[in-house]
Amino acid sequence: MSANLFHRIEHTLTQDLDRDCLITGDGARLTRGQLLADTDRMAKVLQDLGVNTGDRVSVQIDKDFLNVVVYLAVLKMGAVYLPLNSAYADAEIEYFLADAEPSLHICTSSRAEAAQEIGQRLGIQVTTLDLDGGALRTLFDAQTQGFGAAVDRAGTDLASFLYTSGTTGKPKGAMLTHQNLTANAEMLTQAWDYSSEDTLLHALPLFHVHGLFVALNLALLNGGQVILLPKYDADEIVRLMPQATVMMGVPTYYTRLLKQPAFDRDISQHMRLFISGSAPLLVETSNEFFQRSGHRILERYGMSETGMSCSNPLHGERRAGSVGPALPGVTAKVVDDNGQPCPRGEVGNLLVKGDHVFAGYWKLPEKTASEFTDDGFFITGDLATLSDDDYVSIVGRGKDLIITGGLNVYPKEIEDVLNEQPGVVESAVVGVAHEDFGEGIVAVLVGQGPLDFDALSDSVRDQLAAFKLPRRWHQVDELPRNTMGKVQKNLLREAYAKDYQP
């Protein structure tokens, strides 16, 4: 049987063609049968534009029903889907297109002029798709023929690739196979008891592993309904929550939801599950959310190269500050720099292994080889601890480790202490160049009002070893984050790079 992910989705959706599949906030609906028919027509449009099996199709468009249709059409015809962040600048797009060499790039009309110029230089065809128009939508509306049966694909064939965030060096294309995406969806189905009875409140972007390969794939493969919102809007989330059973989001979604007076136990009583990821969830947020709603947010862990690897349990302790045990079918371990297992509770390098782990980096075989151990474990680059009962806790990225005076300092340990201080909303700790110690510690804080750094320093002195104490402090209105809510510590290191210079 073909391993094409689309075949699996199609098999599920054909069980009840008249059932609603995609729903908008204002009530527009697309049935399973309509989604499959639209996908068939779109695949024919793409084929007529010259897209062949194995070709890359890059996409930088707005989120709506047709965004989902394009994704499924690319899968159906056996091509490779390359979603690009809607915030990427033209210079970044040129890098991605030059590296990926797609046969077709789809963008909004507002970006068409720059994209066409890039496409002409690189020999790449460009077309447009907007919420209310665009050349591709015109072709789609006029198309009466279908593509036909989905192209057979092997499990090892590429379904998609995603460019990593590129906080160090150039972004790399993480290649994801049909097996990778299917296996991860099956793991999550089992871990979260996801079913056709679930209705997903979908406010995440569709250009990221979280919104596309976790949220959307999981819903489609299980035949659940999806309330597809163009973006996160806390008012809309509150209004639509009684119609849903599952919500997935980044921590920012939940902190903003807590600011809504209308969010309470009554509004959320119909919900089965709140899931958070893509960035660490503050323990304070987890606890406040539980007090307000009666629901404990389920935190999980993943990355572009693997999809999801760990999750707090659906039934069992959802441990605040931890991302839970490894998912079914995943092996996770924490090792020292020599590859030896760390004692329980000791910080080390997190490695994972399973059918969900990517096929490698696009056109970078040497880089790919360096990211795997001899026994096939992927080196995530994250520092973590493993508890006696196998719960994984992420301490931070390896590149965020601070070495001051020859001693290792893990920023999250300091951040956890700072976040508990009165008046501190959140914090980020980074290391910058220091003439004597190699690196000096800098704390960047968001406060409820003006913060007294001397008082803060005195307050945390009893909770942190002297070498872990920040010597430079800054208060900002908000921490810099990427579109998935991750704090961009590289920007903080750049901003305060001269803090310890004489």
Protein backbone atom coordinates (compact mmCIF):
# COMPACT_ATOMS: atom_id res chain seq x y z
CA MET A 1 0.00 0.00 0.00
CA SER A 2 1.22 3.50 -0.80
CA ALA A 3 2.68 5.40 2.15
CA ASN A 4 1.46 8.74 0.75
CA LEU A 5 0.16 10.68 3.74
CA PHE A 6 -2.70 11.93 1.57
CA HIS A 7 -3.91 8.34 1.07
CA ARG A 8 -4.32 8.02 4.83
CA ILE A 9 -6.20 11.31 5.09
CA GLU A 10 -8.39 10.45 2.09
CA HIS A 11 -9.28 7.04 3.56
CA THR A 12 -10.51 8.72 6.75
CA LEU A 13 -12.44 11.54 5.09
CA THR A 14 -14.30 9.26 2.67
CA GLN A 15 -15.99 7.51 5.62
CA ASP A 16 -18.53 10.35 5.84
CA LEU A 17 -18.29 12.76 2.92
CA ASP A 18 -21.14 14.99 4.09
CA ARG A 19 -19.68 15.76 7.49
CA ASP A 20 -18.22 19.25 8.02
CA CYS A 21 -14.43 19.24 8.08
CA LEU A 22 -13.24 22.86 8.06
CA ILE A 23 -15.19 25.68 9.71
CA THR A 24 -14.39 29.40 9.94
CA GLY A 25 -15.11 31.67 12.86
CA ASP A 26 -17.98 33.31 10.99
CA GLY A 27 -19.60 29.97 10.16
CA ALA A 28 -18.42 29.14 6.62
CA ARG A 29 -18.08 25.37 6.23
CA LEU A 30 -16.35 22.87 3.96
CA THR A 31 -17.44 19.25 4.09
CA ARG A 32 -15.04 16.33 3.82
CA GLY A 33 -16.32 15.63 0.31
CA GLN A 34 -15.84 19.26 -0.75
CA LEU A 35 -12.31 19.29 0.66
CA LEU A 36 -11.38 16.15 -1.26
CA ALA A 37 -12.95 17.47 -4.48
CA ASP A 38 -11.19 20.83 -4.13
CA THR A 39 -7.90 19.06 -3.48
CA ASP A 40 -8.36 16.99 -6.64
CA ARG A 41 -8.98 20.10 -8.75
CA MET A 42 -6.07 21.99 -7.20
CA ALA A 43 -3.72 19.09 -7.86
CA LYS A 44 -4.75 19.25 -11.53
CA VAL A 45 -4.09 23.02 -11.58
CA LEU A 46 -0.63 22.49 -10.13
CA GLN A 47 0.07 19.71 -12.61
CA ASP A 48 -0.94 22.00 -15.49
CA LEU A 49 1.51 24.59 -14.10
CA GLY A 50 4.28 22.05 -14.51
CA VAL A 51 4.59 20.59 -11.01
CA ASN A 52 5.70 16.95 -11.13
CA THR A 53 6.14 14.19 -8.59
CA GLY A 54 9.09 15.00 -6.33
CA ASP A 55 9.12 18.72 -7.18
CA ARG A 56 9.17 21.29 -4.42
CA VAL A 57 6.28 23.76 -4.14
CA SER A 58 7.06 26.73 -1.88
CA VAL A 59 4.17 28.59 -0.29
CA GLN A 60 3.98 31.99 1.44
CA ILE A 61 0.26 32.75 1.62
CA ASP A 62 -2.49 33.69 4.03
CA LYS A 63 -4.24 31.07 6.12
CA ASP A 64 -7.65 30.00 4.83
CA PHE A 65 -9.43 26.95 3.36
CA LEU A 66 -7.46 27.15 0.12
CA ASN A 67 -4.19 27.10 2.05
CA VAL A 68 -5.22 23.66 3.33
CA VAL A 69 -6.31 22.62 -0.16
CA VAL A 70 -2.92 23.56 -1.67
CA TYR A 71 -1.12 21.57 1.04
CA LEU A 72 -3.21 18.47 0.44
CA ALA A 73 -2.94 18.84 -3.35
CA VAL A 74 0.85 18.91 -3.16
CA LEU A 75 0.81 15.74 -1.05
CA LYS A 76 -1.68 14.05 -3.38
CA MET A 77 0.45 14.57 -6.46
CA GLY A 78 3.57 13.33 -4.69
CA ALA A 79 5.32 16.69 -4.67
CA VAL A 80 7.10 18.25 -1.67
CA TYR A 81 5.40 21.00 0.35
CA LEU A 82 7.60 23.88 1.53
CA PRO A 83 5.71 26.33 3.78
CA LEU A 84 7.43 29.67 4.38
CA ASN A 85 6.81 32.04 7.25
CA SER A 86 4.55 34.91 6.17
CA ALA A 87 6.87 37.34 7.97
CA TYR A 88 9.98 36.46 5.95
CA ALA A 89 11.48 39.43 4.13
CA ASP A 90 12.21 39.36 0.40
CA ALA A 91 15.94 38.81 0.97
CA GLU A 92 15.15 35.77 3.12
CA ILE A 93 12.75 34.43 0.48
CA GLU A 94 15.49 34.67 -2.13
CA TYR A 95 17.75 32.53 0.03
CA PHE A 96 15.05 29.88 0.54
CA LEU A 97 14.10 29.72 -3.14
CA ALA A 98 17.71 29.54 -4.26
CA ASP A 99 18.37 26.72 -1.80
CA ALA A 100 15.16 24.72 -2.27
CA GLU A 101 14.86 25.18 -6.07
CA PRO A 102 11.07 24.75 -6.19
CA SER A 103 9.34 24.34 -9.52
CA LEU A 104 6.61 26.72 -8.31
CA HIS A 105 6.44 29.46 -5.69
CA ILE A 106 3.02 30.64 -4.49
CA CYS A 107 2.78 34.01 -2.72
CA THR A 108 0.30 36.78 -2.04
CA SER A 109 -0.14 39.56 -4.62
CA SER A 110 1.45 42.05 -2.22
CA ARG A 111 4.70 40.12 -2.55
CA ALA A 112 4.36 39.29 -6.23
CA GLU A 113 6.63 41.98 -7.69
CA ALA A 114 9.63 41.06 -5.56
CA ALA A 115 8.93 37.33 -5.89
CA GLN A 116 8.69 37.60 -9.69
CA GLU A 117 12.07 39.34 -9.83
CA ILE A 118 13.59 36.62 -7.64
CA GLY A 119 11.90 33.93 -9.72
CA GLN A 120 13.29 35.36 -12.96
CA ARG A 121 16.82 35.39 -11.57
CA LEU A 122 16.52 31.81 -10.33
CA GLY A 123 14.37 30.35 -13.09
CA ILE A 124 11.44 29.65 -10.76
CA GLN A 125 7.78 30.04 -11.74
CA VAL A 126 5.76 32.32 -9.43
CA THR A 127 1.99 32.58 -9.04
CA THR A 128 -0.27 34.39 -6.58
CA LEU A 129 -3.00 33.40 -4.15
CA ASP A 130 -4.94 35.84 -1.97
CA LEU A 131 -7.88 35.52 0.37
CA ASP A 132 -10.11 37.07 -2.28
CA GLY A 133 -8.26 36.54 -5.55
CA GLY A 134 -4.91 35.88 -7.15
CA ALA A 135 -3.88 34.07 -10.34
CA LEU A 136 -3.95 30.62 -8.73
CA ARG A 137 -7.44 31.14 -7.34
CA THR A 138 -8.63 32.18 -10.81
CA LEU A 139 -7.17 29.01 -12.34
CA PHE A 140 -8.69 26.92 -9.55
CA ASP A 141 -12.16 28.46 -9.96
CA ALA A 142 -12.06 27.73 -13.70
CA GLN A 143 -10.77 24.16 -13.34
CA THR A 144 -13.37 21.48 -14.06
CA GLN A 145 -11.10 18.45 -14.32
CA GLY A 146 -9.57 16.51 -11.48
CA PHE A 147 -6.12 15.04 -10.98
CA GLY A 148 -7.28 11.49 -10.36
CA ALA A 149 -5.81 8.92 -7.98
CA ALA A 150 -3.12 10.04 -5.55
CA VAL A 151 0.45 9.25 -6.58
CA ASP A 152 1.99 6.28 -4.81
CA ARG A 153 4.82 7.25 -2.49
CA ALA A 154 7.21 5.20 -0.37
CA GLY A 155 7.56 5.94 3.32
CA THR A 156 11.05 7.29 2.72
CA ASP A 157 9.91 9.75 0.04
CA LEU A 158 9.83 13.41 1.03
CA ALA A 159 6.48 14.96 1.89
CA SER A 160 7.74 18.33 3.07
CA PHE A 161 10.63 20.22 4.44
CA LEU A 162 10.80 23.09 6.86
CA TYR A 163 13.59 25.59 7.28
CA THR A 164 14.93 25.79 10.80
CA SER A 165 14.89 29.19 12.45
CA GLY A 166 18.55 29.87 11.71
CA THR A 167 19.43 31.62 14.97
CA THR A 168 22.99 30.44 14.31
CA GLY A 169 24.21 30.30 10.73
CA LYS A 170 22.01 29.95 7.67
CA PRO A 171 18.62 28.21 8.01
CA LYS A 172 18.67 24.54 7.05
CA GLY A 173 15.89 22.60 5.34
CA ALA A 174 14.74 19.74 7.57
CA MET A 175 13.46 16.99 5.25
CA LEU A 176 10.32 15.21 6.47
CA THR A 177 9.13 12.00 4.85
CA HIS A 178 5.64 10.57 4.54
CA GLN A 179 6.62 8.03 7.22
CA ASN A 180 7.87 10.78 9.56
CA LEU A 181 4.59 12.72 9.40
CA THR A 182 2.33 9.67 9.57
CA ALA A 183 4.24 8.08 12.45
CA ASN A 184 4.15 11.26 14.51
CA ALA A 185 0.42 11.71 13.98
CA GLU A 186 -0.15 8.10 15.06
CA MET A 187 1.95 8.64 18.20
CA LEU A 188 -0.06 11.72 19.13
CA THR A 189 -3.37 10.02 18.38
CA GLN A 190 -2.48 7.34 20.89
CA ALA A 191 -1.03 9.73 23.49
CA TRP A 192 -3.90 12.23 23.39
CA ASP A 193 -6.82 9.89 22.52
CA TYR A 194 -7.55 12.08 19.49
CA SER A 195 -10.64 11.01 17.53
CA SER A 196 -13.24 12.04 14.97
CA GLU A 197 -15.32 13.40 17.85
CA ASP A 198 -12.81 16.18 18.49
CA THR A 199 -13.18 19.73 17.22
CA LEU A 200 -9.90 21.61 17.11
CA LEU A 201 -9.69 25.34 17.74
CA HIS A 202 -6.91 26.16 15.25
CA ALA A 203 -5.32 29.60 15.64
CA LEU A 204 -1.73 28.58 14.84
CA PRO A 205 0.01 29.47 11.56
CA LEU A 206 0.13 26.83 8.84
CA PHE A 207 3.80 27.37 8.00
CA HIS A 208 5.17 25.70 11.12
CA VAL A 209 5.43 22.13 12.43
CA HIS A 210 3.03 22.95 15.29
CA GLY A 211 0.13 24.30 13.27
CA LEU A 212 0.57 22.13 10.18
CA PHE A 213 2.03 18.77 11.11
CA VAL A 214 0.74 18.48 14.67
CA ALA A 215 -2.58 20.31 14.73
CA LEU A 216 -3.89 19.99 11.17
CA ASN A 217 -2.49 16.55 10.34
CA LEU A 218 -3.78 15.10 13.59
CA ALA A 219 -7.27 16.43 12.96
CA LEU A 220 -7.42 15.35 9.31
CA LEU A 221 -6.00 11.88 9.87
CA ASN A 222 -8.59 11.27 12.58
CA GLY A 223 -11.50 12.91 10.75
CA GLY A 224 -12.06 15.57 13.39
CA GLN A 225 -13.45 19.00 12.70
CA VAL A 226 -11.25 22.10 12.55
CA ILE A 227 -12.32 25.64 13.40
CA LEU A 228 -9.76 27.42 11.23
CA LEU A 229 -8.95 30.92 12.44
CA PRO A 230 -6.76 33.24 10.32
CA LYS A 231 -4.75 34.25 13.39
CA TYR A 232 -4.86 34.23 17.16
CA ASP A 233 -7.50 36.54 18.59
CA ALA A 234 -8.27 36.05 22.29
CA ASP A 235 -11.81 37.44 21.93
CA GLU A 236 -12.54 34.99 19.11
CA ILE A 237 -11.02 32.12 21.08
CA VAL A 238 -13.33 32.83 24.01
CA ARG A 239 -16.35 33.17 21.71
CA LEU A 240 -15.71 29.91 19.86
CA MET A 241 -14.39 27.78 22.73
CA PRO A 242 -17.82 26.30 23.61
CA GLN A 243 -17.88 24.75 20.12
CA ALA A 244 -14.48 23.05 20.50
CA THR A 245 -12.91 20.20 22.45
CA VAL A 246 -9.17 20.75 21.80
CA MET A 247 -6.96 23.83 21.54
CA MET A 248 -3.28 23.91 20.65
CA GLY A 249 -1.18 27.00 21.15
CA VAL A 250 2.05 28.63 22.21
CA PRO A 251 2.42 29.96 25.78
CA THR A 252 1.57 33.51 24.65
CA TYR A 253 -1.88 32.30 23.60
CA TYR A 254 -2.60 31.17 27.14
CA THR A 255 -1.20 34.24 28.89
CA ARG A 256 -3.40 36.43 26.68
CA LEU A 257 -6.38 34.18 27.31
CA LEU A 258 -5.90 34.66 31.04
CA LYS A 259 -6.30 38.41 30.52
CA GLN A 260 -9.83 37.84 29.19
CA PRO A 261 -12.38 38.37 32.00
CA ALA A 262 -14.84 36.10 30.18
CA PHE A 263 -12.46 33.12 30.26
CA ASP A 264 -13.58 30.84 33.09
CA ARG A 265 -14.74 27.33 33.90
CA ASP A 266 -18.11 27.82 32.19
CA ILE A 267 -16.55 28.89 28.88
CA SER A 268 -14.08 26.01 28.91
CA GLN A 269 -16.29 23.26 30.31
CA HIS A 270 -16.79 21.67 26.86
CA MET A 271 -13.01 21.51 26.29
CA ARG A 272 -11.23 18.19 26.59
CA LEU A 273 -7.65 19.30 26.17
CA PHE A 274 -5.43 22.40 26.08
CA ILE A 275 -1.96 21.77 24.60
CA SER A 276 1.06 24.08 24.67
CA GLY A 277 4.39 23.94 22.92
CA SER A 278 6.98 25.66 20.70
CA ALA A 279 8.30 27.58 23.72
CA PRO A 280 8.52 26.89 27.48
CA LEU A 281 5.35 27.40 29.49
CA LEU A 282 5.90 29.31 32.72
CA VAL A 283 4.92 27.36 35.83
CA GLU A 284 2.99 30.44 36.98
CA THR A 285 0.95 30.43 33.76
CA SER A 286 0.21 26.73 34.13
CA ASN A 287 -0.97 27.16 37.71
CA GLU A 288 -3.07 30.28 37.05
CA PHE A 289 -4.71 28.60 34.06
CA PHE A 290 -5.60 25.61 36.20
CA GLN A 291 -7.12 27.83 38.89
CA ARG A 292 -9.19 29.78 36.37
CA SER A 293 -10.42 26.92 34.19
CA GLY A 294 -9.98 23.66 36.06
CA HIS A 295 -7.86 22.44 33.13
CA ARG A 296 -4.17 21.67 33.44
CA ILE A 297 -2.42 22.66 30.19
CA LEU A 298 -0.65 19.70 28.62
CA GLU A 299 2.88 20.70 27.67
CA ARG A 300 4.78 18.76 25.03
CA TYR A 301 8.15 18.99 23.29
CA GLY A 302 9.15 18.90 19.66
CA MET A 303 11.14 20.58 16.93
CA SER A 304 11.17 20.96 13.14
CA GLU A 305 13.44 17.97 12.70
CA THR A 306 11.30 15.54 14.67
CA GLY A 307 7.78 16.78 15.11
CA MET A 308 6.75 15.83 18.65
CA SER A 309 8.98 13.60 20.81
CA CYS A 310 7.67 14.03 24.36
CA SER A 311 4.36 14.85 25.99
CA ASN A 312 2.92 15.10 29.45
CA PRO A 313 0.34 12.34 29.81
CA LEU A 314 -3.34 12.72 29.02
CA HIS A 315 -4.13 10.49 32.00
CA GLY A 316 -1.61 11.03 34.75
CA GLU A 317 0.43 13.85 36.19
CA ARG A 318 0.89 16.86 33.92
CA ARG A 319 4.00 18.16 35.58
CA ALA A 320 4.47 21.91 35.33
CA GLY A 321 7.97 22.73 34.09
CA SER A 322 8.33 19.35 32.38
CA VAL A 323 7.47 18.18 28.86
CA GLY A 324 6.66 14.67 30.07
CA PRO A 325 7.93 11.26 29.02
CA ALA A 326 8.79 10.20 25.47
CA LEU A 327 5.82 9.48 23.21
CA PRO A 328 4.90 5.91 22.26
CA GLY A 329 7.47 4.69 19.71
CA VAL A 330 10.07 7.29 20.77
CA THR A 331 13.24 6.63 22.75
CA ALA A 332 14.71 9.61 24.60
CA LYS A 333 17.91 9.73 26.63
CA VAL A 334 20.12 12.34 28.27
CA VAL A 335 23.87 11.92 27.83
CA ASP A 336 27.05 13.78 28.71
CA ASP A 337 29.48 15.22 26.16
CA ASN A 338 31.10 11.78 25.81
CA GLY A 339 27.79 10.15 24.94
CA GLN A 340 27.44 8.37 28.29
CA PRO A 341 24.06 8.35 30.08
CA CYS A 342 23.76 11.07 32.71
CA PRO A 343 22.61 10.24 36.23
CA ARG A 344 18.92 10.97 36.76
CA GLY A 345 18.32 14.64 37.41
CA GLU A 346 21.66 15.73 35.96
CA VAL A 347 21.75 18.10 32.98
CA GLY A 348 22.95 16.65 29.69
CA ASN A 349 22.31 16.50 25.96
CA LEU A 350 18.87 15.27 24.90
CA LEU A 351 18.86 12.60 22.17
CA VAL A 352 15.79 11.06 20.52
CA LYS A 353 15.13 8.17 18.18
CA GLY A 354 12.03 6.97 16.33
CA ASP A 355 10.18 6.85 13.01
CA HIS A 356 9.28 10.51 13.47
CA VAL A 357 12.88 11.72 13.17
CA PHE A 358 13.61 13.56 9.91
CA ALA A 359 15.58 12.22 6.95
CA GLY A 360 18.27 14.88 7.18
CA TYR A 361 19.07 18.42 6.09
CA TRP A 362 18.42 19.39 2.48
CA LYS A 363 21.65 19.26 0.44
CA LEU A 364 23.76 19.03 3.61
CA PRO A 365 24.84 15.38 3.99
CA GLU A 366 27.85 16.18 6.19
CA LYS A 367 25.78 18.34 8.53
CA THR A 368 23.16 15.59 8.66
CA ALA A 369 25.75 12.96 9.59
CA SER A 370 27.12 15.14 12.37
CA GLU A 371 23.69 15.45 13.99
CA PHE A 372 23.25 11.71 14.55
CA THR A 373 25.07 9.32 16.85
CA ASP A 374 26.54 6.06 15.60
CA ASP A 375 23.53 4.18 17.01
CA GLY A 376 21.01 6.40 15.18
CA PHE A 377 19.95 8.91 17.84
CA PHE A 378 19.30 12.48 16.76
CA ILE A 379 21.19 15.09 18.75
CA THR A 380 18.49 17.67 19.46
CA GLY A 381 20.83 20.42 20.67
CA ASP A 382 18.67 20.84 23.76
CA LEU A 383 19.92 20.44 27.30
CA ALA A 384 17.62 18.47 29.56
CA THR A 385 17.23 16.36 32.68
CA LEU A 386 15.49 12.99 33.00
CA SER A 387 13.64 12.22 36.23
CA ASP A 388 13.45 8.84 37.94
CA ASP A 389 10.03 8.31 36.33
CA ASP A 390 11.24 9.33 32.86
CA TYR A 391 9.84 12.85 32.68
CA VAL A 392 11.98 15.10 30.49
CA SER A 393 12.61 18.71 31.55
CA ILE A 394 14.20 21.07 29.04
CA VAL A 395 16.85 23.32 30.56
CA GLY A 396 17.64 25.24 27.36
CA ARG A 397 19.41 25.12 24.04
CA GLY A 398 23.00 23.98 24.07
CA LYS A 399 24.01 27.21 22.35
CA ASP A 400 22.37 29.17 25.19
CA LEU A 401 24.59 27.54 27.82
CA ILE A 402 26.67 30.18 29.61
CA ILE A 403 30.24 29.29 30.62
CA THR A 404 31.50 31.85 33.09
CA GLY A 405 34.83 31.40 34.80
CA GLY A 406 34.90 27.83 33.51
CA LEU A 407 31.59 26.99 35.20
CA ASN A 408 28.42 25.96 33.35
CA VAL A 409 25.34 28.09 33.95
CA TYR A 410 21.94 27.07 32.60
CA PRO A 411 19.82 30.18 31.92
CA LYS A 412 16.52 28.50 32.73
CA GLU A 413 17.62 27.84 36.30
CA ILE A 414 18.14 31.58 36.82
CA GLU A 415 14.99 32.49 34.88
CA ASP A 416 12.87 30.20 37.07
CA VAL A 417 14.08 32.04 40.17
CA LEU A 418 13.65 35.50 38.62
CA ASN A 419 10.13 34.73 37.39
CA GLU A 420 9.04 34.03 40.96
CA GLN A 421 10.06 37.48 42.18
CA PRO A 422 7.34 40.07 42.92
CA GLY A 423 6.76 42.42 40.00
CA VAL A 424 8.56 40.23 37.44
CA VAL A 425 6.35 39.11 34.55
CA GLU A 426 9.02 37.10 32.73
CA SER A 427 12.74 37.02 32.19
CA ALA A 428 15.45 35.96 29.77
CA VAL A 429 19.05 35.31 30.75
CA VAL A 430 21.95 35.35 28.27
CA GLY A 431 25.72 35.31 28.33
CA VAL A 432 27.88 37.92 26.61
CA ALA A 433 31.61 38.37 26.25
CA HIS A 434 33.54 39.08 29.46
CA GLU A 435 37.27 39.87 29.47
CA ASP A 436 38.06 37.87 32.63
CA PHE A 437 35.36 35.20 32.88
CA GLY A 438 34.78 34.43 29.20
CA GLU A 439 31.08 35.19 29.55
CA GLY A 440 29.15 37.45 31.88
CA ILE A 441 25.51 36.94 32.81
CA VAL A 442 22.86 39.44 31.67
CA ALA A 443 19.24 39.41 32.88
CA VAL A 444 16.53 40.99 30.72
CA LEU A 445 13.21 41.44 32.51
CA VAL A 446 9.62 42.37 31.77
CA GLY A 447 7.94 43.91 34.82
CA GLN A 448 4.49 44.87 35.97
CA GLY A 449 6.04 48.29 36.64
CA PRO A 450 9.52 49.74 37.21
CA LEU A 451 11.81 47.12 38.76
CA ASP A 452 14.38 47.70 41.52
CA PHE A 453 17.39 45.73 40.30
CA ASP A 454 19.31 46.09 43.57
CA ALA A 455 16.40 44.64 45.49
CA LEU A 456 16.01 41.84 42.96
CA SER A 457 19.68 40.98 43.18
CA ASP A 458 19.50 40.84 46.98
CA SER A 459 16.32 38.74 46.83
CA VAL A 460 17.72 36.00 44.58
CA ARG A 461 21.15 35.91 46.21
CA ASP A 462 20.05 33.24 48.68
CA GLN A 463 18.63 31.04 45.91
CA LEU A 464 21.50 31.11 43.44
CA ALA A 465 25.21 30.43 43.72
CA ALA A 466 27.28 33.60 43.44
CA PHE A 467 28.65 32.66 40.01
CA LYS A 468 25.07 32.39 38.68
CA LEU A 469 24.01 35.88 39.73
CA PRO A 470 23.43 38.35 36.89
CA ARG A 471 25.67 41.41 37.16
CA ARG A 472 23.94 43.35 34.39
CA TRP A 473 20.20 44.01 34.40
CA HIS A 474 17.80 45.45 31.84
CA GLN A 475 14.06 46.06 31.82
CA VAL A 476 12.12 45.96 28.52
CA ASP A 477 8.47 46.27 27.58
CA GLU A 478 8.53 42.82 26.00
CA LEU A 479 11.02 40.13 25.06
CA PRO A 480 11.78 39.65 21.35
CA ARG A 481 10.03 36.56 20.04
CA ASN A 482 9.67 34.78 16.74
CA THR A 483 6.27 33.97 15.25
CA MET A 484 5.99 30.80 17.35
CA GLY A 485 6.59 32.61 20.62
CA LYS A 486 10.20 31.56 21.20
CA VAL A 487 12.38 34.18 22.84
CA GLN A 488 15.09 35.20 20.37
CA LYS A 489 18.07 35.12 22.67
CA ASN A 490 20.43 35.75 19.78
CA LEU A 491 18.90 39.25 19.51
CA LEU A 492 19.39 39.82 23.23
CA ARG A 493 23.01 38.72 23.02
CA GLU A 494 23.52 41.19 20.17
CA ALA A 495 21.72 44.03 21.98
CA TYR A 496 23.75 43.68 25.17
CA ALA A 497 26.99 42.39 23.70
CA LYS A 498 29.01 45.30 25.17
CA ASP A 499 27.59 45.11 28.69
CA TYR A 500 30.84 43.84 30.18
CA GLN A 501 33.25 45.74 27.98
CA PRO A 502 35.47 48.22 29.86
